[in-house]
Every structure is written in C-alpha cells, then in structure tokens.
Protein backbone atom coordinates (compact mmCIF):
# COMPACT_ATOMS: atom_id res chain seq x y z
CA MET A 1 -18.94 33.30 -13.24
CA LEU A 2 -20.79 30.35 -12.56
CA SER A 3 -21.66 29.57 -16.07
CA PHE A 4 -17.92 30.55 -17.43
CA ILE A 5 -16.50 28.00 -14.82
CA ALA A 6 -19.11 25.16 -16.23
CA LYS A 7 -17.99 25.92 -20.29
CA LEU A 8 -14.37 25.09 -18.76
CA TYR A 9 -13.73 21.63 -20.55
CA ASP A 10 -10.73 19.57 -19.95
CA PRO A 11 -11.57 16.02 -19.83
CA LEU A 12 -8.23 14.12 -19.27
CA CYS A 13 -7.16 17.01 -16.79
CA ILE A 14 -4.16 18.41 -19.01
CA VAL A 15 -4.16 21.74 -17.53
CA GLY A 16 -6.04 20.66 -14.03
CA PRO A 17 -3.79 22.43 -12.08
CA THR A 18 -5.11 25.90 -13.45
CA ILE A 19 -8.51 24.19 -13.81
CA VAL A 20 -8.46 23.39 -10.51
CA THR A 21 -8.47 27.15 -9.44
CA ALA A 22 -11.74 27.75 -10.60
CA LYS A 23 -13.09 24.78 -8.99
CA VAL A 24 -11.99 26.02 -5.64
CA PHE A 25 -13.35 29.60 -6.31
CA MET A 26 -16.61 28.18 -7.08
CA GLN A 27 -16.55 26.67 -4.04
CA LYS A 28 -15.64 30.28 -2.17
CA LEU A 29 -18.78 31.41 -3.80
CA TRP A 30 -21.10 28.66 -2.31
CA LEU A 31 -19.55 29.16 1.37
CA LEU A 32 -20.28 33.12 1.31
CA GLY A 33 -24.04 32.24 0.92
CA LEU A 34 -24.96 34.30 -2.32
CA SER A 35 -27.68 33.91 -4.16
CA TRP A 36 -27.74 33.31 -7.87
CA ASP A 37 -28.54 36.91 -8.47
CA ALA A 38 -26.31 38.59 -5.84
CA VAL A 39 -23.65 41.05 -6.34
CA VAL A 40 -19.51 39.40 -5.57
CA PRO A 41 -18.07 40.89 -3.02
CA ASP A 42 -15.24 43.10 -4.61
CA LYS A 43 -12.36 41.15 -3.49
CA GLU A 44 -13.83 37.73 -5.25
CA LYS A 45 -14.49 39.86 -8.03
CA ASN A 46 -11.20 41.04 -9.06
CA GLU A 47 -9.61 37.46 -8.37
CA PHE A 48 -12.13 35.82 -10.88
CA GLU A 49 -11.26 38.65 -13.38
CA ASN A 50 -7.50 38.30 -13.19
CA PHE A 51 -8.51 34.52 -13.50
CA ILE A 52 -10.11 35.55 -16.85
CA ARG A 53 -7.31 37.28 -17.94
CA ASN A 54 -4.76 34.81 -17.52
CA LEU A 55 -6.50 32.00 -18.97
CA GLN A 56 -6.62 33.44 -22.50
CA ASN A 57 -2.66 32.31 -21.97
CA ILE A 58 -3.61 29.10 -22.76
CA GLU A 59 -3.73 29.04 -26.38
CA HIS A 60 0.39 29.02 -26.02
CA LEU A 61 0.52 26.09 -24.46
CA ASN A 62 2.37 23.68 -26.49
CA ILE A 63 1.33 19.90 -25.46
CA PRO A 64 2.57 16.67 -27.17
CA ARG A 65 0.27 13.81 -27.01
CA CYS A 66 2.61 11.09 -28.52
CA ILE A 67 3.03 9.40 -25.35
CA ILE A 68 4.52 5.55 -26.97
CA GLN A 69 7.47 5.77 -28.83
CA ARG A 70 8.02 2.53 -30.97
CA ASN A 71 10.52 0.06 -30.43
CA ASN A 72 10.05 0.07 -26.56
CA THR A 73 11.44 -2.08 -24.27
CA LEU A 74 9.37 -1.22 -21.18
CA VAL A 75 6.20 0.71 -20.15
CA GLU A 76 5.35 1.64 -16.75
CA ILE A 77 2.39 3.70 -15.37
CA HIS A 78 3.67 5.80 -13.06
CA GLY A 79 0.72 7.98 -10.51
CA PHE A 80 0.95 10.10 -7.68
CA SER A 81 -1.23 11.69 -5.21
CA ASP A 82 -1.26 14.97 -3.44
CA SER A 83 -3.54 16.79 -0.89
CA SER A 84 -3.70 20.67 0.57
CA GLU A 85 -6.31 21.96 2.10
CA GLN A 86 -8.32 23.10 -0.71
CA ALA A 87 -8.43 20.04 -3.07
CA TYR A 88 -6.90 16.69 -3.60
CA ASP A 89 -5.78 15.33 -6.81
CA ALA A 90 -4.13 12.19 -8.43
CA CYS A 91 -1.78 12.53 -11.57
CA VAL A 92 -0.84 9.64 -14.32
CA TYR A 93 2.31 9.62 -16.48
CA VAL A 94 3.66 6.70 -19.04
CA ARG A 95 7.35 5.94 -19.13
CA CYS A 96 9.03 4.50 -21.76
CA LYS A 97 12.54 2.82 -22.28
CA ASP A 98 13.81 2.41 -25.70
CA CYS A 99 15.82 -0.52 -27.24
CA PHE A 100 18.60 2.24 -27.10
CA GLY A 101 18.09 2.32 -22.88
CA ASN A 102 16.20 6.36 -23.02
CA PHE A 103 13.86 7.19 -20.87
CA SER A 104 10.74 9.14 -22.19
CA VAL A 105 8.02 10.31 -19.38
CA HIS A 106 4.85 12.09 -20.64
CA LEU A 107 1.63 13.30 -18.59
CA LEU A 108 -1.39 11.44 -19.78
CA CYS A 109 -3.71 12.55 -17.26
CA SER A 110 -5.06 13.90 -14.21
CA LYS A 111 -7.85 14.31 -11.57
CA SER A 112 -8.52 16.20 -8.47
CA ARG A 113 -11.47 17.18 -6.35
CA VAL A 114 -12.45 19.86 -4.17
CA ALA A 115 -11.39 19.13 -0.54
CA PRO A 116 -14.64 18.74 1.64
CA VAL A 117 -16.46 22.04 3.27
CA LYS A 118 -16.54 20.14 6.61
CA CYS A 119 -13.09 20.15 8.44
CA VAL A 120 -10.76 16.93 7.63
CA THR A 121 -7.58 16.53 8.89
CA LEU A 122 -4.60 17.01 6.12
CA PRO A 123 -3.02 12.77 7.12
CA ARG A 124 -7.25 12.38 5.93
CA LEU A 125 -7.33 14.77 2.94
CA GLU A 126 -3.89 13.16 2.10
CA LEU A 127 -5.56 9.48 2.76
CA LEU A 128 -8.55 10.70 0.19
CA GLY A 129 -5.90 11.27 -2.62
CA ALA A 130 -4.41 7.92 -2.04
CA VAL A 131 -8.28 6.52 -2.75
CA LEU A 132 -8.58 8.76 -5.67
CA LEU A 133 -5.69 7.94 -6.93
CA SER A 134 -6.45 4.01 -6.61
CA THR A 135 -9.61 4.16 -8.49
CA PHE A 136 -8.21 6.61 -11.57
CA VAL A 137 -5.53 4.17 -12.22
CA ASN A 138 -7.48 1.45 -12.35
CA LYS A 139 -9.86 3.16 -15.16
CA VAL A 140 -7.02 4.23 -16.72
CA LEU A 141 -5.33 0.63 -17.10
CA GLU A 142 -8.63 -0.37 -18.54
CA ARG A 143 -9.12 2.41 -21.01
CA GLU A 144 -5.35 2.33 -21.90
CA ARG A 145 -5.17 -1.38 -22.26
CA GLU A 146 -7.72 -1.27 -24.74
CA ALA A 147 -6.65 1.85 -26.93
CA MET A 148 -3.14 1.29 -26.80
CA GLN A 149 -3.48 -2.93 -26.83
CA MET A 150 -0.40 -3.28 -25.32
CA THR A 151 1.30 -4.89 -22.04
CA ILE A 152 1.99 -2.27 -18.75
CA ASP A 153 5.29 -4.01 -17.18
CA THR A 154 4.46 -2.37 -13.91
CA VAL A 155 2.31 0.21 -12.23
CA HIS A 156 4.33 2.21 -9.51
CA LEU A 157 2.29 4.70 -7.10
CA TYR A 158 3.43 7.67 -4.86
CA THR A 159 2.70 10.00 -2.14
CA ASP A 160 4.02 12.64 -0.18
CA SER A 161 2.58 11.47 3.03
CA THR A 162 4.61 9.04 5.20
CA ILE A 163 1.65 8.74 7.23
CA VAL A 164 -0.70 7.19 4.49
CA LEU A 165 1.42 4.63 3.82
CA SER A 166 1.64 3.49 7.27
CA TRP A 167 -2.18 2.88 7.34
CA ILE A 168 -1.81 0.98 4.13
CA ARG A 169 0.60 -0.97 5.77
CA THR A 170 -1.36 -1.16 8.72
CA GLN A 171 -4.15 -4.30 9.41
CA PRO A 172 -7.55 -2.35 9.05
CA HIS A 173 -9.00 -3.62 12.15
CA ARG A 174 -6.93 -1.64 13.57
CA LEU A 175 -7.53 1.62 12.30
CA LYS A 176 -10.78 3.74 12.76
CA CYS A 177 -13.53 3.68 10.75
CA PHE A 178 -12.85 6.70 8.53
CA VAL A 179 -9.37 5.40 7.78
CA ALA A 180 -9.99 1.90 7.70
CA ASN A 181 -12.78 2.10 5.47
CA ARG A 182 -10.50 3.71 2.65
CA VAL A 183 -7.19 1.58 3.61
CA MET A 184 -9.23 -1.61 2.60
CA GLN A 185 -10.28 0.40 -0.42
CA THR A 186 -6.68 1.36 -1.82
CA THR A 187 -5.42 -1.86 -0.97
CA ASP A 188 -7.84 -3.81 -2.76
CA LEU A 189 -7.48 -2.01 -5.90
CA THR A 190 -3.69 -1.89 -5.93
CA ASN A 191 -2.74 -5.29 -4.36
CA THR A 192 -0.71 -5.98 -6.92
CA PHE A 193 1.29 -2.20 -7.80
CA GLU A 194 4.00 -0.88 -5.54
CA TRP A 195 3.59 2.08 -3.26
CA HIS A 196 6.67 4.74 -2.92
CA HIS A 197 7.16 7.68 -0.99
CA ILE A 198 8.26 10.95 -2.72
CA ASN A 199 9.33 14.37 -1.50
CA SER A 200 7.22 17.26 -1.73
CA LYS A 201 9.37 19.12 -4.00
CA ASP A 202 9.56 16.42 -6.14
CA ASN A 203 5.83 15.40 -6.26
CA PRO A 204 4.03 16.22 -9.78
CA ALA A 205 0.89 16.31 -8.41
CA ASP A 206 1.57 19.13 -5.90
CA PRO A 207 0.62 21.80 -8.17
CA LEU A 208 -2.57 20.23 -8.78
CA SER A 209 -3.86 20.23 -5.65
CA ARG A 210 -2.37 24.01 -4.75
CA GLY A 211 -3.12 25.63 -8.64
CA LEU A 212 -1.03 27.26 -10.56
CA SER A 213 -1.97 30.30 -13.60
CA VAL A 214 -1.70 28.93 -17.01
CA ASP A 215 1.79 30.98 -17.40
CA ASP A 216 3.57 28.99 -14.09
CA LEU A 217 2.31 25.98 -15.22
CA ASN A 218 3.56 26.42 -18.78
CA ARG A 219 7.17 27.02 -17.30
CA ASN A 220 6.48 23.81 -14.78
CA ASN A 221 8.78 20.80 -16.05
CA ASN A 222 7.28 18.95 -13.58
CA TRP A 223 3.95 18.87 -14.21
CA TRP A 224 4.74 18.15 -17.82
CA CYS A 225 7.54 15.41 -17.61
CA GLY A 226 7.24 14.18 -14.56
CA SER A 227 9.65 14.13 -11.56
CA ASN A 228 13.67 13.85 -12.55
CA PHE A 229 14.21 10.01 -11.26
CA LEU A 230 12.09 9.01 -13.78
CA HIS A 231 14.23 10.01 -16.29
CA ARG A 232 16.97 7.93 -15.30
CA ASP A 233 17.76 4.03 -14.67
CA VAL A 234 16.69 3.78 -11.26
CA ASP A 235 14.98 1.07 -9.02
CA PHE A 236 11.97 1.47 -7.49
CA LEU A 237 12.00 0.61 -3.57
CA ASN A 238 10.04 0.99 -0.90
CA ASN A 239 12.23 4.24 0.35
CA TRP A 240 10.43 4.89 3.09
CA ASP A 241 10.47 4.38 7.16
CA CYS A 242 6.79 3.55 8.60
CA SER A 243 5.71 6.85 10.79
CA ASN A 244 4.06 4.37 13.27
CA THR A 245 5.02 6.75 15.68
CA ASP A 246 3.42 9.73 14.31
CA PRO A 247 0.73 11.97 16.43
CA GLY A 248 -0.87 12.20 12.57
CA TYR A 249 -1.08 8.25 12.25
CA MET A 250 -1.36 7.12 16.29
CA LYS A 251 -4.65 9.31 16.29
CA GLU A 252 -6.67 6.73 14.05
CA LEU A 253 -5.85 3.48 16.00
CA LYS A 254 -8.88 2.05 17.57
CA PRO A 255 -8.30 2.17 21.29
CA ILE A 256 -6.62 -1.18 22.49
CA MET A 257 -9.16 -0.83 26.12
CA ASN A 258 -12.13 -2.89 24.40
CA THR A 259 -15.36 -3.72 26.38
CA PHE A 260 -14.18 -6.76 28.40
CA VAL A 261 -10.67 -5.24 29.09
CA GLN A 262 -12.96 -2.20 30.85
CA SER A 263 -14.94 -4.76 32.43
CA THR A 264 -12.45 -6.35 34.36
CA VAL A 265 -10.17 -3.09 35.63
CA PRO A 266 -11.13 -2.20 39.45
CA ALA A 267 -13.33 -0.01 40.31
CA GLU A 268 -10.45 2.89 41.24
CA ALA A 269 -8.87 2.42 37.77
CA THR A 270 -12.29 2.94 36.07
CA LYS A 271 -10.82 6.96 35.84
CA LYS A 272 -8.32 5.85 33.07
CA ASN A 273 -9.05 7.45 29.73
CA VAL A 274 -10.98 5.13 27.49
CA ASP A 275 -9.27 6.41 24.50
CA ASP A 276 -5.87 5.24 25.71
CA ILE A 277 -4.52 3.20 23.61
CA PHE A 278 -1.75 1.50 25.30
CA LEU A 279 -2.92 -1.08 28.39
CA THR A 280 -0.75 -0.98 31.36
CA SER A 281 0.46 -4.04 32.41
CA ARG A 282 -1.74 -3.99 35.63
CA GLU A 283 -4.59 -4.05 33.64
CA LEU A 284 -3.36 -6.70 31.47
CA ASN A 285 -2.68 -9.30 34.16
CA HIS A 286 -5.76 -8.42 35.89
CA ALA A 287 -7.92 -8.92 32.54
CA ARG A 288 -5.79 -12.54 32.29
CA ASP A 289 -6.93 -13.54 36.22
CA VAL A 290 -10.45 -12.61 35.14
CA LEU A 291 -10.41 -15.24 32.14
CA VAL A 292 -8.46 -17.85 34.22
CA ARG A 293 -10.83 -17.62 36.93
CA GLN A 294 -13.64 -18.26 34.58
CA ALA A 295 -12.77 -21.30 32.85
CA GLN A 296 -11.88 -22.79 36.19
CA THR A 297 -15.67 -21.70 37.33
CA ARG A 298 -16.83 -23.55 34.16
CA GLU A 299 -14.89 -26.46 35.10
CA PHE A 300 -15.64 -26.90 38.70
CA ASN A 301 -19.05 -26.36 38.24
CA ALA A 302 -20.00 -28.91 35.00
CA GLU A 303 -17.63 -31.45 37.51
CA LEU A 304 -20.28 -30.70 40.28
CA LYS A 305 -22.84 -31.42 38.38
CA ALA A 306 -21.49 -34.51 37.10
CA LEU A 307 -21.33 -35.73 40.67
CA ILE A 308 -24.86 -34.21 41.79
CA LEU A 309 -26.38 -36.47 38.94
CA GLY A 310 -24.07 -39.85 39.86
CA ASN A 311 -21.68 -39.48 36.87
CA ASN A 312 -18.58 -40.29 37.27
CA ILE A 313 -16.11 -37.92 36.30
CA PRO A 314 -12.93 -39.19 34.25
CA PRO A 315 -9.47 -39.17 35.80
CA GLN A 316 -7.45 -36.15 34.98
CA THR A 317 -4.41 -36.76 32.32
CA GLU A 318 -1.39 -36.10 34.29
CA VAL A 319 0.40 -32.44 33.11
CA GLU A 320 3.61 -33.13 31.94
CA ASN A 321 5.87 -29.98 32.90
CA PHE A 322 8.57 -29.05 29.43
CA GLU A 323 9.00 -25.26 31.01
CA VAL A 324 12.41 -24.83 32.37
CA LEU A 325 14.01 -22.02 34.14
CA THR A 326 15.40 -19.20 31.80
CA PRO A 327 17.36 -15.50 32.32
CA GLY A 328 14.04 -14.63 31.21
CA HIS A 329 12.47 -15.53 34.37
CA PHE A 330 15.25 -13.79 36.91
CA LEU A 331 14.92 -10.52 34.31
CA ILE A 332 10.97 -10.66 33.77
CA GLY A 333 9.43 -13.97 35.52
CA ARG A 334 8.65 -15.66 32.57
CA ALA A 335 10.66 -17.38 29.52
CA LEU A 336 11.67 -14.58 26.62
CA ASN A 337 9.32 -14.35 23.74
CA ALA A 338 9.47 -12.55 20.65
CA ILE A 339 6.63 -11.83 17.74
CA VAL A 340 7.61 -14.30 14.80
CA GLU A 341 9.03 -12.09 11.74
CA PRO A 342 9.60 -13.28 7.98
CA ASP A 343 13.80 -14.17 7.63
CA LEU A 344 15.57 -11.59 6.15
CA CYS A 345 19.13 -12.68 6.47
CA SER A 346 19.13 -13.13 2.80
CA VAL A 347 17.50 -10.46 1.98
CA ASN A 348 19.58 -7.03 0.79
CA THR A 349 19.54 -4.31 3.17
CA ASN A 350 19.07 -1.69 0.66
CA LYS A 351 15.20 -2.94 0.27
CA LEU A 352 14.52 -2.87 3.54
CA ASP A 353 12.88 -0.27 5.60
CA LYS A 354 14.35 0.83 9.17
CA TYR A 355 12.29 -1.78 11.19
CA ARG A 356 12.84 -4.33 9.15
CA LYS A 357 16.93 -3.09 8.94
CA ILE A 358 16.94 -3.63 12.80
CA THR A 359 15.25 -6.97 12.57
CA LYS A 360 17.43 -8.13 10.38
CA ILE A 361 20.50 -7.28 12.41
CA VAL A 362 18.68 -8.67 15.28
CA GLN A 363 18.46 -11.72 13.39
CA ASN A 364 21.61 -12.18 12.39
CA ILE A 365 22.84 -11.74 16.34
CA TRP A 366 19.91 -14.75 17.53
CA LYS A 367 21.65 -17.02 14.47
CA SER A 368 25.12 -16.65 15.74
CA TRP A 369 24.47 -16.69 19.53
CA LYS A 370 22.27 -19.75 19.00
CA LYS A 371 24.44 -21.49 17.14
CA ASP A 372 27.40 -21.29 19.75
CA TYR A 373 25.15 -21.59 22.74
CA LEU A 374 24.32 -25.04 21.40
CA ASN A 375 27.27 -26.34 20.30
CA ASN A 376 28.55 -25.43 23.81
CA LEU A 377 25.71 -27.66 25.44
CA GLN A 378 26.97 -30.30 23.42
CA ALA A 379 30.54 -30.11 24.04
CA ARG A 380 30.06 -29.86 27.76
CA SER A 381 27.32 -33.15 27.47
CA LYS A 382 30.06 -34.69 25.07
CA TRP A 383 32.72 -34.38 27.99
CA GLN A 384 30.63 -34.23 31.02
CA PHE A 385 28.56 -37.31 30.15
CA ASP A 386 28.80 -40.80 28.18
CA GLN A 387 26.61 -40.98 25.78
CA SER A 388 25.15 -44.35 26.94
CA ASN A 389 24.21 -42.59 29.67
CA VAL A 390 20.74 -40.41 28.02
CA LYS A 391 18.43 -41.24 30.16
CA ILE A 392 14.76 -41.75 29.41
CA ASN A 393 13.04 -38.51 31.30
CA THR A 394 15.84 -36.19 30.18
CA VAL A 395 14.66 -32.02 29.11
CA VAL A 396 16.73 -31.82 25.95
CA LEU A 397 16.66 -28.90 23.66
CA LEU A 398 16.47 -29.80 20.05
CA LYS A 399 19.06 -28.14 16.99
CA GLU A 400 16.38 -26.86 14.48
CA ASP A 401 17.67 -24.51 11.57
CA ASN A 402 14.75 -22.18 10.92
CA PHE A 403 13.37 -21.60 13.84
CA PRO A 404 12.50 -17.88 14.74
CA ILE A 405 14.58 -15.60 17.34
CA ALA A 406 13.40 -16.81 21.04
CA HIS A 407 11.59 -20.32 20.10
CA TRP A 408 12.78 -23.50 21.37
CA ILE A 409 12.16 -26.76 20.87
CA ILE A 410 11.84 -28.98 24.21
CA GLY A 411 11.51 -32.15 24.59
CA LYS A 412 11.65 -35.30 26.62
CA ILE A 413 13.28 -38.43 26.23
CA VAL A 414 10.92 -41.42 26.22
CA GLN A 415 12.99 -44.18 24.56
CA THR A 416 16.28 -44.71 23.62
CA TYR A 417 18.11 -46.80 21.00
CA PRO A 418 21.73 -47.97 21.29
CA GLY A 419 23.86 -49.18 18.21
CA THR A 420 25.45 -52.53 17.86
CA ASP A 421 28.60 -51.21 20.34
CA GLY A 422 26.02 -50.12 23.23
CA LYS A 423 26.26 -46.50 22.81
CA ILE A 424 22.68 -44.79 22.22
CA ARG A 425 22.73 -43.01 18.67
CA VAL A 426 18.98 -42.41 18.09
CA ILE A 427 16.48 -41.18 20.72
CA GLN A 428 12.23 -40.19 20.86
CA LEU A 429 11.17 -37.45 22.47
CA LYS A 430 7.97 -36.31 23.17
CA LEU A 431 7.22 -32.82 22.71
CA ALA A 432 5.15 -30.53 24.65
CA ASN A 433 1.88 -30.59 22.09
CA ASP A 434 2.10 -34.52 22.90
CA ASN A 435 3.89 -35.19 19.19
CA PHE A 436 6.34 -37.91 19.14
CA VAL A 437 9.95 -37.68 17.22
CA LYS A 438 12.89 -39.57 16.48
CA ARG A 439 16.54 -37.43 16.78
CA PRO A 440 20.25 -38.36 16.67
CA ILE A 441 21.63 -37.60 19.37
CA SER A 442 23.85 -34.75 17.45
CA LYS A 443 21.01 -33.11 16.86
CA ILE A 444 20.29 -32.43 20.49
CA ALA A 445 21.33 -30.53 23.56
CA ILE A 446 21.08 -31.78 27.11
CA LEU A 447 19.88 -28.84 29.00
CA PRO A 448 22.00 -28.28 32.21
CA ILE A 449 21.12 -29.54 35.58
CA VAL A 450 21.85 -27.20 38.05
C-alpha cells in the first residue's frame, strides 16, 4: 500500500482532492501502529481497494493547461485556503481579462498537508492553512514571473475563517505564542496582498481539505474554474467583519493580567483567575495608585538625600491647571476621551467593515455637534462680552478642524494684541504642553464661567 501511494506523482497537485485521500489514509495506517509486514484490517483494506478502483478513472480527466490568453488587459492571482480535521491546503488560480472584457479563470496549482496528529483546534488549523497559502503564493509568484515574463496586477487571498482574518488584523503582541508567530509570518509574506472572506460553499479549496473521488472531482467546476464571482466584473472589497467577540478568537489573546498588575492586587483579590482577559476597574485603579506612590517615594527620597548632603533643592515650578469641568466629570468622574481613529468621513461606506461603519457614523455626529457647540460658545461670547474685554488668564478652546473625537485644545490667554481701533484682534495662548501659539479671536471660544 505504502509503495503504491508513494508512486502517485502530481507535482502541481492538479488532482489534489483525490491525492489527499491517499495522504490521510497513510496517516491512518501509521496511527494504527502496524508494522511494515502486518496484515491490514479489513475495513482499511476495503477502503484502499475502492480508492485504487476509482483512481483508474483519472484517465478520463480533461485538464486545460493554457491558462494565459493573448491580448490580456488584466492578470490576477487568487489564492484560497481551507482546513478540516483531516488536512489543510492552499490552491491558486489565474484570472485574466481580455480586451473585450471577458474573464477566464484557471487552476494553476495547489498544495495540501495532512493535519498534525497532535490535537489542534479548527481555528488553528485554519491559520495553518493561511500560512501555507502565504508561503505557497510567494513561491508561485517567483516562479511564474520568471516563466511567463509578465506582470501580475494584483494578488487576492481568501479564507472562510473570520477568526483567522481577525487574528491577521490583531497586533501579534496581543496573541499567544502559537498564533502570534504564524500571524507575523503571514503578515510579513502578504503585506502587499489583499485578504478577503469567502463562504465555505464558494471556497474552491474546500474539496482539497476533505478529499474527493476522481468522478466527483471531474464534475466539480468550483475546483477547476474557481468561484463563480471570479468570472464577473466585481470589486474585491474586504467584505467581512472582525469576529473580535468569537470565543475562538478570544481564547488566543494573551491575558491582560500581567505580572505587575498581579503584584499590585490586594491579597483578598488573589483568587482571580489569571487567564481572565479583562481587568476590573478596581484592579486598574489600585495599580495606578501603586505607580503614583512609587513615583512620589523616588522623588521624596531624592530630595531628602539632597538635604542630608547639604545641597539646595531647586524651587518647584508652579503647575498650571488647564483642566476644565465637563459633563464627563459628572458622569464618570473625569473628562471623556476616545481612542484616536483614522478620519473615515470621506471614505465610501461600502469599503468599510461593521466596526468602521459605526466609527464613521460617530465621527460625523461628533463633527456636526462640535461645530454647533463652538459656534454657540462664540455667539454667547460675542453678545455677552465685548471683544476688547478678552482678558489675560482666560481659559479658551481653540477651533481646530481636523482634531479627532473627544480631543480639545485648551489654552490660556497670556498676551493680547489690540488693533488700531483698540479692539483685540489677536491673542497669544499658552497650551498645556508649554507651547505658545497666536490665534485670531475668531479661532477661539471662551469657556463659560459658572
């Protein structure tokens, strides 16, 4: 049996879904622990005999190998990966568009590997498939560019696992070692390619991970010609949402409860499971207090040491307070803030995933509200305060058009510049970072005093 399987030669893995059946069968024999001259159990013997009989039908396969047509205006590589409990794989297709707008899609080659004997979760197997696809596509591109001597316009990669796509978009330092290493390998190899999600029923790599008989393979158009959408003029967008709440994704995140925070947690809280991903507000506040006390202790010790040695302590600079009372102080005890996100207001909504669509809506609401709020402040200042009465040490907001959500520039007036009519037209502000800027009074809004 083993010698027969070893004779199967398919370097491009064109009939990979059939060959992978033999690979899985070989692993099954090895797991049975049989010696080389042992008698194979009847079940496995019958299975192998059926495989041999079906393999004889391979002579009826008609495989077109002219994959590049003349007068092409577009040449693309499309790679697909998939995994099952038996195997994981990658297959590559060439998609061409001629001068008349017609598309042709042909299977170029594929590659499969039997799943590890050691139990591996399905999401991890899907990740192994993505790694295999990444390395395989790069080798294909290197060889085909030399052989065909033509330019590949774009490369598109697909997997039916949203968990894998979410891992690829996650910073590796947040992931556990097994996943992090393979995510880094994948992103390094595919940083100029585009990843997409595909439904399992449309994934042409699916039969390569599960196996097909020769007869079934001959009738499987998805395998020979790729997914149906490849034959249409479509936009290849990132049409998937991050599954950041999927248990399979969350399981591979590193625990945020790191060594330092663990050491600061009170003794009565040490029963917390260290594999918990999220910290409580109590734990975060306690860790902050510990850091503050450590900083104060270092500073005070340094000053005491200087006094003992008879050295002078430099006078402390007065700390200016630029913080103002906001609704956030009444709601959560501090000013509201938000993570800085790229400005998506001008991006086409169809190109955004679910998270970024929500972010765009929030950004649009924020910009409208901010504009109305600042205009309202300026109107109140105009009618309630004479412009010549803008005083030094007044705290104001700067009107900046491109600042992100929940970020304000607050400054304190340190100098005024009146015009020839005696009215103040320009002011100089000191910012919280000790920088000084000049602004016309039309670009500031005086905060109301209550």
